[in-house]
Protein backbone atom coordinates (compact mmCIF):
# COMPACT_ATOMS: atom_id res chain seq x y z
CA UNK A 1 -38.14 1.52 3.53
CA UNK A 2 -37.56 5.21 4.16
CA UNK A 3 -39.57 7.67 2.50
CA UNK A 4 -36.49 9.81 1.77
CA UNK A 5 -34.41 6.95 -0.13
CA UNK A 6 -34.60 8.89 -3.26
CA UNK A 7 -32.98 11.76 -1.56
CA UNK A 8 -29.81 9.84 -0.66
CA UNK A 9 -26.54 10.09 -2.30
CA UNK A 10 -26.11 7.66 -5.46
CA UNK A 11 -23.97 4.90 -4.10
CA UNK A 12 -23.56 1.71 -5.18
CA UNK A 13 -25.14 0.38 -2.05
CA UNK A 14 -28.14 2.75 -2.40
CA UNK A 15 -28.44 2.13 -5.98
CA UNK A 16 -28.41 -1.95 -5.19
CA UNK A 17 -31.05 -1.03 -2.51
CA UNK A 18 -33.39 0.94 -4.87
CA UNK A 19 -33.21 -2.47 -7.43
CA UNK A 20 -34.27 -4.35 -4.60
CA UNK A 21 -37.35 -2.49 -3.77
CA UNK A 22 -38.52 -2.45 -7.41
CA UNK A 23 -37.42 1.14 -8.07
CA UNK A 24 -34.87 -0.01 -10.68
CA UNK A 25 -34.78 -2.87 -13.21
CA UNK A 26 -31.67 -4.51 -14.38
CA UNK A 27 -31.17 -2.37 -17.35
CA UNK A 28 -31.78 0.81 -15.39
CA UNK A 29 -29.25 -0.32 -12.54
CA UNK A 30 -26.81 -0.82 -15.10
CA UNK A 31 -27.46 2.42 -16.78
CA UNK A 32 -27.24 4.25 -12.95
CA UNK A 33 -23.80 2.55 -12.37
CA UNK A 34 -22.61 4.06 -15.82
CA UNK A 35 -24.01 7.28 -15.00
CA UNK A 36 -22.53 7.50 -11.43
CA UNK A 37 -19.08 6.26 -12.77
CA UNK A 38 -19.27 2.86 -10.93
CA UNK A 39 -19.57 1.02 -14.35
CA UNK A 40 -16.87 2.27 -17.20
CA UNK A 41 -18.24 3.27 -20.63
CA UNK A 42 -16.45 3.55 -23.87
CA UNK A 43 -14.69 6.80 -22.96
CA UNK A 44 -13.46 5.22 -19.35
CA UNK A 45 -12.13 2.20 -21.07
CA UNK A 46 -10.22 4.23 -23.34
CA UNK A 47 -8.94 6.57 -20.48
CA UNK A 48 -7.82 3.25 -18.84
CA UNK A 49 -6.04 2.10 -21.64
CA UNK A 50 -4.25 5.21 -22.09
CA UNK A 51 -3.00 5.31 -18.47
CA UNK A 52 -1.77 1.60 -18.90
CA UNK A 53 -0.12 2.03 -21.86
CA UNK A 54 1.82 5.20 -20.70
CA UNK A 55 2.62 3.61 -17.32
CA UNK A 56 3.87 0.68 -19.33
CA UNK A 57 5.93 2.76 -21.74
CA UNK A 58 7.50 4.85 -18.64
CA UNK A 59 8.48 1.52 -16.77
CA UNK A 60 10.10 -0.20 -19.86
CA UNK A 61 11.80 2.94 -20.48
CA UNK A 62 13.13 3.11 -17.24
CA UNK A 63 14.02 -0.69 -17.27
CA UNK A 64 15.96 0.34 -20.78
CA UNK A 65 18.08 3.18 -18.87
CA UNK A 66 19.15 0.55 -15.93
CA UNK A 67 19.79 -2.11 -17.89
CA UNK A 68 21.80 0.00 -20.20
CA UNK A 69 24.20 1.03 -17.32
CA UNK A 70 24.29 -2.54 -15.96
CA UNK A 71 25.24 -4.15 -19.75
CA UNK A 72 27.88 -1.19 -20.48
CA UNK A 73 29.24 -0.76 -17.22
CA UNK A 74 32.78 -1.39 -18.00
CA UNK A 75 32.94 0.33 -21.35
CA UNK A 76 31.39 4.02 -20.13
CA UNK A 77 33.82 6.51 -18.68
CA UNK A 78 32.63 7.89 -15.12
CA UNK A 79 31.68 11.46 -16.60
CA UNK A 80 29.62 9.33 -19.31
CA UNK A 81 27.99 7.39 -16.72
CA UNK A 82 26.99 10.67 -14.65
CA UNK A 83 26.28 12.63 -17.76
CA UNK A 84 23.77 10.04 -19.16
CA UNK A 85 21.82 9.82 -15.94
CA UNK A 86 21.65 13.54 -15.23
CA UNK A 87 20.75 14.02 -18.89
CA UNK A 88 17.72 11.60 -18.65
CA UNK A 89 16.43 13.03 -15.29
CA UNK A 90 16.45 16.53 -17.00
CA UNK A 91 14.53 15.30 -19.83
CA UNK A 92 12.03 13.62 -17.47
CA UNK A 93 11.87 17.00 -15.55
CA UNK A 94 11.44 19.22 -18.67
CA UNK A 95 8.73 16.87 -20.01
CA UNK A 96 6.85 17.25 -16.88
CA UNK A 97 7.18 20.90 -16.85
CA UNK A 98 6.30 21.12 -20.60
CA UNK A 99 3.13 18.92 -20.10
CA UNK A 100 2.19 20.34 -16.63
CA UNK A 101 1.86 18.78 -13.42
CA UNK A 102 -1.52 18.77 -13.81
CA UNK A 103 -1.67 16.38 -16.85
CA UNK A 104 -0.91 12.44 -16.57
CA UNK A 105 2.04 12.55 -18.82
CA UNK A 106 3.22 15.12 -16.37
CA UNK A 107 3.07 13.21 -13.39
CA UNK A 108 4.38 9.99 -14.62
CA UNK A 109 7.44 12.02 -16.01
CA UNK A 110 7.94 13.43 -12.61
CA UNK A 111 7.82 9.81 -11.07
CA UNK A 112 10.47 8.73 -13.92
CA UNK A 113 12.61 11.54 -12.76
CA UNK A 114 12.28 10.57 -8.97
CA UNK A 115 13.28 6.78 -10.01
CA UNK A 116 16.19 8.05 -11.99
CA UNK A 117 17.40 10.15 -9.22
CA UNK A 118 17.88 6.84 -7.46
CA UNK A 119 19.77 5.36 -10.32
CA UNK A 120 21.96 8.51 -10.66
CA UNK A 121 22.79 8.04 -6.57
CA UNK A 122 23.69 4.20 -7.25
CA UNK A 123 25.97 5.38 -10.53
CA UNK A 124 27.58 7.88 -8.36
CA UNK A 125 28.22 5.39 -5.38
CA UNK A 126 29.73 2.83 -7.65
CA UNK A 127 31.85 5.02 -9.82
CA UNK A 128 33.63 6.74 -6.79
CA UNK A 129 32.97 4.04 -3.75
CA UNK A 130 32.23 6.81 -0.88
CA UNK A 131 32.23 3.92 1.29
CA UNK A 132 28.58 5.37 2.55
CA UNK A 133 26.08 2.95 4.27
CA UNK A 134 23.32 1.76 2.05
CA UNK A 135 20.79 3.86 4.00
CA UNK A 136 22.40 7.11 3.44
CA UNK A 137 21.82 6.58 -0.16
CA UNK A 138 18.06 5.98 0.37
CA UNK A 139 17.97 8.42 2.77
CA UNK A 140 19.56 10.95 0.50
CA UNK A 141 17.10 9.98 -2.41
CA UNK A 142 14.28 11.02 -0.17
CA UNK A 143 15.46 14.25 0.34
CA UNK A 144 16.11 14.86 -2.99
CA UNK A 145 12.63 13.93 -4.48
CA UNK A 146 10.52 14.91 -1.47
CA UNK A 147 9.88 18.07 -3.21
CA UNK A 148 8.72 16.61 -6.33
CA UNK A 149 6.40 14.49 -4.33
CA UNK A 150 4.86 17.63 -2.67
CA UNK A 151 4.11 19.55 -6.19
CA UNK A 152 3.50 16.51 -8.21
CA UNK A 153 0.34 15.44 -5.94
CA UNK A 154 0.52 11.76 -7.45
CA UNK A 155 -0.12 9.11 -5.03
CA UNK A 156 2.39 6.61 -6.76
CA UNK A 157 4.95 8.93 -6.26
CA UNK A 158 4.16 9.18 -2.48
CA UNK A 159 4.12 5.35 -2.33
CA UNK A 160 7.60 5.51 -3.57
CA UNK A 161 8.41 7.92 -1.19
CA UNK A 162 7.18 5.48 1.70
CA UNK A 163 8.67 2.67 0.20
CA UNK A 164 12.04 4.32 0.47
CA UNK A 165 11.54 5.56 4.14
CA UNK A 166 10.77 1.74 4.97
CA UNK A 167 13.83 0.78 3.30
CA UNK A 168 15.95 3.54 4.93
CA UNK A 169 14.79 2.51 8.25
CA UNK A 170 15.43 -1.38 7.76
CA UNK A 171 18.74 -0.72 6.39
CA UNK A 172 19.64 1.64 9.25
CA UNK A 173 18.44 -0.97 11.61
CA UNK A 174 20.75 -3.40 10.35
CA UNK A 175 23.78 -1.45 9.93
CA UNK A 176 23.62 0.97 13.03
CA UNK A 177 21.25 -0.73 15.61
CA UNK A 178 21.99 -3.60 17.72
CA UNK A 179 18.60 -4.05 18.94
CA UNK A 180 16.32 -6.92 17.89
CA UNK A 181 14.20 -7.29 14.97
CA UNK A 182 10.93 -7.34 16.82
CA UNK A 183 11.43 -3.56 17.65
CA UNK A 184 12.25 -2.42 13.86
CA UNK A 185 8.92 -4.44 12.83
CA UNK A 186 7.10 -2.35 15.47
CA UNK A 187 8.82 0.89 14.16
CA UNK A 188 7.49 -0.27 10.82
CA UNK A 189 4.03 -0.40 12.44
CA UNK A 190 4.08 3.07 13.72
CA UNK A 191 5.60 4.64 10.70
CA UNK A 192 3.19 3.15 8.20
CA UNK A 193 0.41 3.68 10.49
CA UNK A 194 0.87 7.09 10.67
CA UNK A 195 1.16 7.59 7.06
CA UNK A 196 -1.98 5.63 6.81
CA UNK A 197 -3.98 8.02 9.18
CA UNK A 198 -2.27 11.09 7.49
CA UNK A 199 -3.92 9.72 4.18
CA UNK A 200 -7.22 8.93 5.54
CA UNK A 201 -7.53 12.34 7.21
CA UNK A 202 -6.41 14.34 4.06
CA UNK A 203 -8.75 12.28 2.23
CA UNK A 204 -11.75 12.86 4.46
CA UNK A 205 -10.80 16.80 4.41
CA UNK A 206 -11.39 16.73 0.41
CA UNK A 207 -7.64 16.53 -1.12
CA UNK A 208 -8.91 16.39 -4.82
CA UNK A 209 -5.97 13.95 -5.82
CA UNK A 210 -6.38 11.18 -3.15
CA UNK A 211 -9.09 9.36 -4.79
CA UNK A 212 -9.43 5.48 -4.78
CA UNK A 213 -8.64 3.34 -2.21
CA UNK A 214 -5.59 1.49 -3.69
CA UNK A 215 -3.04 3.44 -1.62
CA UNK A 216 -4.88 3.11 1.56
CA UNK A 217 -5.13 -0.61 0.94
CA UNK A 218 -1.44 -1.05 0.30
CA UNK A 219 -0.20 0.86 3.36
CA UNK A 220 -2.92 -1.03 5.41
CA UNK A 221 -1.52 -4.31 4.01
CA UNK A 222 1.95 -3.50 5.32
CA UNK A 223 0.72 -2.74 8.70
CA UNK A 224 -0.88 -5.98 8.98
CA UNK A 225 2.52 -7.76 7.57
CA UNK A 226 4.80 -5.78 10.17
CA UNK A 227 2.39 -6.70 12.73
CA UNK A 228 2.39 -10.35 12.19
CA UNK A 229 5.74 -11.15 11.52
CA UNK A 230 7.03 -10.18 15.32
CA UNK A 231 3.89 -11.96 16.71
CA UNK A 232 4.69 -15.11 15.06
CA UNK A 233 8.08 -14.76 16.35
CA UNK A 234 6.92 -14.44 19.71
CA UNK A 235 4.78 -17.59 19.24
CA UNK A 236 7.54 -19.76 17.88
CA UNK A 237 10.54 -18.39 19.78
CA UNK A 238 10.15 -19.05 23.49
CA UNK A 239 13.86 -18.37 24.35
CA UNK A 240 13.46 -14.65 23.13
CA UNK A 241 10.60 -13.71 25.07
CA UNK A 242 12.08 -12.05 27.33
CA UNK A 243 13.05 -9.27 25.13
CA UNK A 244 10.78 -6.28 25.83
CA UNK A 245 10.48 -5.62 22.17
CA UNK A 246 9.08 -9.06 21.61
CA UNK A 247 6.85 -9.09 24.55
CA UNK A 248 5.20 -6.01 23.33
CA UNK A 249 4.40 -7.74 19.79
CA UNK A 250 1.22 -9.83 20.73
CA UNK A 251 -0.18 -6.86 22.78
CA UNK A 252 0.36 -4.19 19.82
CA UNK A 253 -0.92 -7.09 17.32
CA UNK A 254 -4.24 -6.89 19.08
CA UNK A 255 -4.78 -3.32 19.88
CA UNK A 256 -3.54 -2.10 16.32
CA UNK A 257 -5.72 -4.78 14.38
CA UNK A 258 -8.73 -4.21 16.83
CA UNK A 259 -8.58 -0.41 16.22
CA UNK A 260 -8.16 -0.92 12.36
CA UNK A 261 -11.06 -3.15 12.36
CA UNK A 262 -13.46 -0.78 14.38
CA UNK A 263 -12.50 2.10 12.06
CA UNK A 264 -13.01 0.50 8.85
CA UNK A 265 -15.99 -1.39 9.93
CA UNK A 266 -17.58 1.49 11.35
CA UNK A 267 -16.73 4.76 9.82
CA UNK A 268 -14.11 4.40 6.71
CA UNK A 269 -15.80 1.19 5.18
CA UNK A 270 -13.17 -0.65 3.45
CA UNK A 271 -13.96 -4.49 3.07
CA UNK A 272 -10.55 -5.23 1.49
CA UNK A 273 -8.98 -4.00 4.74
CA UNK A 274 -11.18 -5.55 6.86
CA UNK A 275 -10.34 -9.05 4.97
CA UNK A 276 -6.71 -8.62 5.41
CA UNK A 277 -7.16 -8.03 9.02
CA UNK A 278 -9.20 -11.04 9.75
CA UNK A 279 -6.50 -13.10 7.49
CA UNK A 280 -3.80 -11.93 10.04
CA UNK A 281 -6.02 -13.10 12.82
CA UNK A 282 -6.57 -16.64 11.39
CA UNK A 283 -2.87 -16.86 10.94
CA UNK A 284 -1.93 -15.66 14.46
CA UNK A 285 -4.73 -18.19 16.00
CA UNK A 286 -3.58 -20.62 14.03
CA UNK A 287 0.04 -20.44 14.87
CA UNK A 288 -0.73 -20.34 18.43
CA UNK A 289 -2.79 -23.45 18.36
CA UNK A 290 -0.27 -25.30 16.25
CA UNK A 291 2.49 -24.31 18.78
CA UNK A 292 0.45 -25.66 21.80
CA UNK A 293 0.01 -28.69 20.11
CA UNK A 294 3.46 -29.22 19.83
CA UNK A 295 3.70 -31.57 16.67
CA UNK A 296 0.88 -33.96 18.04
CA UNK A 297 0.12 -36.58 15.31
CA UNK A 298 -3.51 -35.16 15.11
CA UNK A 299 -2.72 -31.74 15.38
CA UNK A 300 -2.86 -31.35 11.37
CA UNK A 301 -6.37 -32.55 11.48
CA UNK A 302 -7.14 -30.21 14.28
CA UNK A 303 -5.42 -27.12 12.44
CA UNK A 304 -7.28 -27.94 9.16
CA UNK A 305 -10.56 -27.83 11.10
CA UNK A 306 -9.65 -24.83 13.08
CA UNK A 307 -8.64 -23.04 9.67
CA UNK A 308 -12.08 -23.88 7.93
CA UNK A 309 -13.98 -22.77 11.26
CA UNK A 310 -12.23 -19.65 11.20
CA UNK A 311 -12.56 -19.04 7.73
CA UNK A 312 -16.46 -19.51 8.02
CA UNK A 313 -16.92 -17.24 10.96
CA UNK A 314 -14.36 -14.50 9.03
CA UNK A 315 -16.92 -14.87 6.16
CA UNK A 316 -19.95 -14.64 8.08
CA UNK A 317 -18.81 -11.58 9.76
CA UNK A 318 -17.84 -9.76 6.65
CA UNK A 319 -20.87 -10.43 5.01
CA UNK A 320 -22.77 -9.15 7.84
CA UNK A 321 -20.78 -5.87 7.92
CA UNK A 322 -20.99 -5.44 4.16
CA UNK A 323 -25.03 -5.78 4.64
CA UNK A 324 -25.05 -3.39 7.42
CA UNK A 325 -23.29 -0.83 5.18
CA UNK A 326 -26.23 -0.98 2.40
CA UNK A 327 -28.86 -0.09 5.05
CA UNK A 328 -30.16 3.50 4.43
CA UNK A 329 -29.39 5.73 7.32
CA UNK A 330 -32.80 7.57 8.62
C-alpha cells in the first residue's frame, strides 16, 4: 500500500480500497459514499423524485397534445391546428424563459418546445401536403431547434438532436441514394463516433453540464449496433461481398471496436461500454462460426459451448480490467 493513499481523490475505487486495508469499517464506508455523493441521502432522493415526476409530467403533456391532434384532426380547421401548435410552443418557450434556462424546469420546457416544433412541422406537412421528402422535415426540425440546444446546455436535448440527425441520414439514404445499406451504416458509425468523441473531449475539458455517463453510453451503444449490422450482413450474404462497402464492414468493425475498447479500458474507464463491446464481439464470432458450420447437426451444440466459453472469457477480462482500475497509482 502506498503511503499517500489518504491523499488520493475520494473515488469509489479508492474508498473500497481503504476499506479493504482496514482504514474504514462498513459504517464508515457507507458514510463516505454518502458524503462523496456516491450513495443518495434523503435530499438526493427528493431531488430524484422531483426530476422523475417533472419529466413524466412533461412527457404526458406532450403525448396529450399529439393525441389531441390525432383524435380531432378531421374536426379542426387548418388555422386552428397550426395555431394550437404554435401556442403550445410559445407557452413552453415562455415558461423556459420565465423559470430560466439554468433551472431544470426551464431546460425541460425547452425540450418540450423542441419536440412540439416537430409536431408543428408534421401538422403543416399534413395540412398543406407540400410533397417534400420525409428527410427534409427532419432536417428542418434540426435547423429550427439547434439554437435551443446550444443555449439550453441540456444533454437530453442534444440526444434528441443526434437522434434526428440519424433519422435524417437514414431517410435521405433511402429516398435519394442508390448505394447499399452497408455504406449507410458505416456513415452512421462515423457520425455517432464523432459525436461520442466530441462529448468525451468536452467532458474532459470540464464542461459543467456534461455530467454522468449515460449520454456517452447510449451513443457508444448506437456505434456498436451500427458496426454489427453490416458485419453480420457480410458474414451471411456471400453474394454481396463484391460491394466495397460490405467488404469494408468487417475491417471497420475490428478497427473501431479495438480502438474503443482500448480507450475505455485504459483512459476513460467505462465498464458498461466495454461490456457492450465484448457482447458485439461475441455476436460476430458466434455468427462467423455458425456460418462456417453451415447447418451441421452438431452445430447447435458447438455454438452453445462457444457462447458459454466466450462469455466466460469476457467476464474474466472485464473483472481484471475493473480490478486494475482500483489500484492506487503511485
